[in-house]
C-alpha atoms as a PDB file:
ATOM      1  CA  MET A   1       0.091   0.049   0.136  1.00  0.00           C
ATOM      2  CA  ALA A   2       1.650   3.223  -1.091  1.00  0.00           C
ATOM      3  CA  ASN A   3       1.236   6.162   1.328  1.00  0.00           C
ATOM      4  CA  VAL A   4       1.131   9.562  -0.358  1.00  0.00           C
ATOM      5  CA  ILE A   5       2.178  12.475   1.606  1.00  0.00           C
ATOM      6  CA  ASP A   6       0.863  15.906   0.341  1.00  0.00           C
ATOM      7  CA  ASP A   7       2.583  19.277   0.525  1.00  0.00           C
ATOM      8  CA  ALA A   8       0.066  20.397   3.310  1.00  0.00           C
ATOM      9  CA  THR A   9       1.259  17.587   5.641  1.00  0.00           C
ATOM     10  CA  ILE A  10       4.883  18.319   5.012  1.00  0.00           C
ATOM     11  CA  ASP A  11       4.249  22.048   5.725  1.00  0.00           C
ATOM     12  CA  TYR A  12       2.400  21.184   9.035  1.00  0.00           C
ATOM     13  CA  VAL A  13       5.174  18.747  10.155  1.00  0.00           C
ATOM     14  CA  GLY A  14       7.634  21.402   9.281  1.00  0.00           C
ATOM     15  CA  ILE A  15       5.720  23.948  11.358  1.00  0.00           C
ATOM     16  CA  LEU A  16       5.486  21.350  14.302  1.00  0.00           C
ATOM     17  CA  ALA A  17       9.304  20.712  14.047  1.00  0.00           C
ATOM     18  CA  LYS A  18      10.245  24.388  13.668  1.00  0.00           C
ATOM     19  CA  LEU A  19      11.919  23.693  10.444  1.00  0.00           C
ATOM     20  CA  GLU A  20      12.294  25.683   7.173  1.00  0.00           C
ATOM     21  CA  LEU A  21      12.515  23.266   4.424  1.00  0.00           C
ATOM     22  CA  SER A  22      13.564  24.116   0.918  1.00  0.00           C
ATOM     23  CA  ASP A  23      11.536  22.644  -2.211  1.00  0.00           C
ATOM     24  CA  GLU A  24      14.142  19.890  -2.496  1.00  0.00           C
ATOM     25  CA  GLU A  25      14.150  19.032   1.163  1.00  0.00           C
ATOM     26  CA  LYS A  26      10.216  19.008   1.244  1.00  0.00           C
ATOM     27  CA  GLU A  27      10.233  16.515  -1.838  1.00  0.00           C
ATOM     28  CA  GLN A  28      12.817  14.235   0.019  1.00  0.00           C
ATOM     29  CA  ALA A  29      10.764  14.448   3.400  1.00  0.00           C
ATOM     30  CA  LYS A  30       7.668  13.427   1.429  1.00  0.00           C
ATOM     31  CA  LYS A  31       9.488  10.392   0.147  1.00  0.00           C
ATOM     32  CA  ASP A  32      10.965   9.511   3.606  1.00  0.00           C
ATOM     33  CA  MET A  33       7.579   9.930   5.397  1.00  0.00           C
ATOM     34  CA  ALA A  34       5.913   7.589   2.667  1.00  0.00           C
ATOM     35  CA  SER A  35       8.686   5.189   3.063  1.00  0.00           C
ATOM     36  CA  MET A  36       8.337   5.151   6.869  1.00  0.00           C
ATOM     37  CA  LEU A  37       4.425   4.661   6.672  1.00  0.00           C
ATOM     38  CA  ASP A  38       4.942   1.870   4.041  1.00  0.00           C
ATOM     39  CA  TYR A  39       7.135   0.154   6.606  1.00  0.00           C
ATOM     40  CA  ILE A  40       4.587   0.532   9.451  1.00  0.00           C
ATOM     41  CA  ASP A  41       1.964  -0.855   7.221  1.00  0.00           C
ATOM     42  CA  GLN A  42       4.324  -4.021   6.579  1.00  0.00           C
ATOM     43  CA  LEU A  43       4.707  -4.343  10.276  1.00  0.00           C
ATOM     44  CA  ASN A  44       0.947  -4.166  10.831  1.00  0.00           C
ATOM     45  CA  GLU A  45       0.680  -7.350   8.540  1.00  0.00           C
ATOM     46  CA  LEU A  46       2.613  -9.369  11.074  1.00  0.00           C
ATOM     47  CA  ASP A  47       0.697 -11.942  13.133  1.00  0.00           C
ATOM     48  CA  THR A  48       1.237 -10.975  16.554  1.00  0.00           C
ATOM     49  CA  THR A  49      -1.384 -13.342  18.120  1.00  0.00           C
ATOM     50  CA  GLY A  50      -0.112 -14.427  21.597  1.00  0.00           C
ATOM     51  CA  VAL A  51       2.811 -11.993  21.771  1.00  0.00           C
ATOM     52  CA  GLU A  52       2.559  -9.803  24.986  1.00  0.00           C
ATOM     53  CA  PRO A  53       2.829  -5.969  24.573  1.00  0.00           C
ATOM     54  CA  MET A  54       5.943  -4.659  25.990  1.00  0.00           C
ATOM     55  CA  SER A  55       7.562  -1.269  26.452  1.00  0.00           C
ATOM     56  CA  HIS A  56      11.238  -2.445  26.354  1.00  0.00           C
ATOM     57  CA  VAL A  57      13.020  -5.193  24.467  1.00  0.00           C
ATOM     58  CA  PHE A  58      14.555  -6.255  27.702  1.00  0.00           C
ATOM     59  CA  PRO A  59      13.000  -6.968  31.073  1.00  0.00           C
ATOM     60  CA  ILE A  60      13.338  -3.910  33.409  1.00  0.00           C
ATOM     61  CA  GLU A  61      13.686  -4.601  37.105  1.00  0.00           C
ATOM     62  CA  ASN A  62      14.490  -2.257  39.911  1.00  0.00           C
ATOM     63  CA  VAL A  63      17.849  -3.198  41.256  1.00  0.00           C
ATOM     64  CA  MET A  64      17.533  -2.516  44.922  1.00  0.00           C
ATOM     65  CA  ARG A  65      20.133  -3.081  47.581  1.00  0.00           C
ATOM     66  CA  GLU A  66      19.850  -2.991  51.498  1.00  0.00           C
ATOM     67  CA  ASP A  67      20.372   0.374  53.095  1.00  0.00           C
ATOM     68  CA  VAL A  68      23.222  -0.485  55.215  1.00  0.00           C
ATOM     69  CA  VAL A  69      25.629   2.013  56.954  1.00  0.00           C
ATOM     70  CA  THR A  70      29.120   0.907  56.036  1.00  0.00           C
ATOM     71  CA  ASN A  71      31.258   3.927  57.303  1.00  0.00           C
ATOM     72  CA  GLY A  72      29.573   4.654  60.611  1.00  0.00           C
ATOM     73  CA  ASP A  73      29.637   8.071  62.307  1.00  0.00           C
ATOM     74  CA  GLU A  74      32.601  10.108  60.992  1.00  0.00           C
ATOM     75  CA  SER A  75      31.483  13.487  62.487  1.00  0.00           C
ATOM     76  CA  GLU A  76      34.554  13.645  64.775  1.00  0.00           C
ATOM     77  CA  LYS A  77      36.988  13.108  61.807  1.00  0.00           C
ATOM     78  CA  THR A  78      34.825  15.776  59.804  1.00  0.00           C
ATOM     79  CA  LEU A  79      34.960  18.346  62.625  1.00  0.00           C
ATOM     80  CA  PHE A  80      38.502  17.728  63.594  1.00  0.00           C
ATOM     81  CA  ASN A  81      40.005  20.743  61.904  1.00  0.00           C
ATOM     82  CA  ALA A  82      36.952  23.152  62.232  1.00  0.00           C
ATOM     83  CA  PRO A  83      37.873  26.445  63.784  1.00  0.00           C
ATOM     84  CA  GLU A  84      34.831  26.455  65.738  1.00  0.00           C
ATOM     85  CA  ARG A  85      32.016  23.883  66.420  1.00  0.00           C
ATOM     86  CA  LYS A  86      29.207  23.259  68.627  1.00  0.00           C
ATOM     87  CA  ASP A  87      28.008  19.787  69.567  1.00  0.00           C
ATOM     88  CA  LYS A  88      28.419  17.856  66.320  1.00  0.00           C
ATOM     89  CA  THR A  89      28.076  20.960  63.897  1.00  0.00           C
ATOM     90  CA  PHE A  90      30.201  23.458  62.430  1.00  0.00           C
ATOM     91  CA  VAL A  91      29.835  27.073  63.721  1.00  0.00           C
ATOM     92  CA  VAL A  92      29.880  29.671  60.999  1.00  0.00           C
ATOM     93  CA  PRO A  93      29.306  33.439  61.020  1.00  0.00           C
ATOM     94  CA  LYS A  94      25.887  34.650  60.647  1.00  0.00           C
ATOM     95  CA  THR A  95      25.167  35.816  57.120  1.00  0.00           C
ATOM     96  CA  VAL A  96      21.441  36.959  57.263  1.00  0.00           C
ATOM     97  CA  GLU A  97      20.161  39.666  59.642  1.00  0.00           C
END
């Protein structure tokens, strides 16, 4: 089944894609779009009975890991060289009045 793309369709797609096409580019785009639609028609002829719809070619799984603390409390090391500290925090000059 030959799909025929008219000039109005190409102009509309050009507007949507924000493209300015020359006359030669429009003709090539019409041929390309017709070719793509012919390929889609060819795919529609395939028997997909019993084929489960999918969104990806490969199965997708969330890879989760246990949320385990491995480095412990490093606050003393972090604050070791702090010029001023209070409890387990840095003390910094006030910047907002």
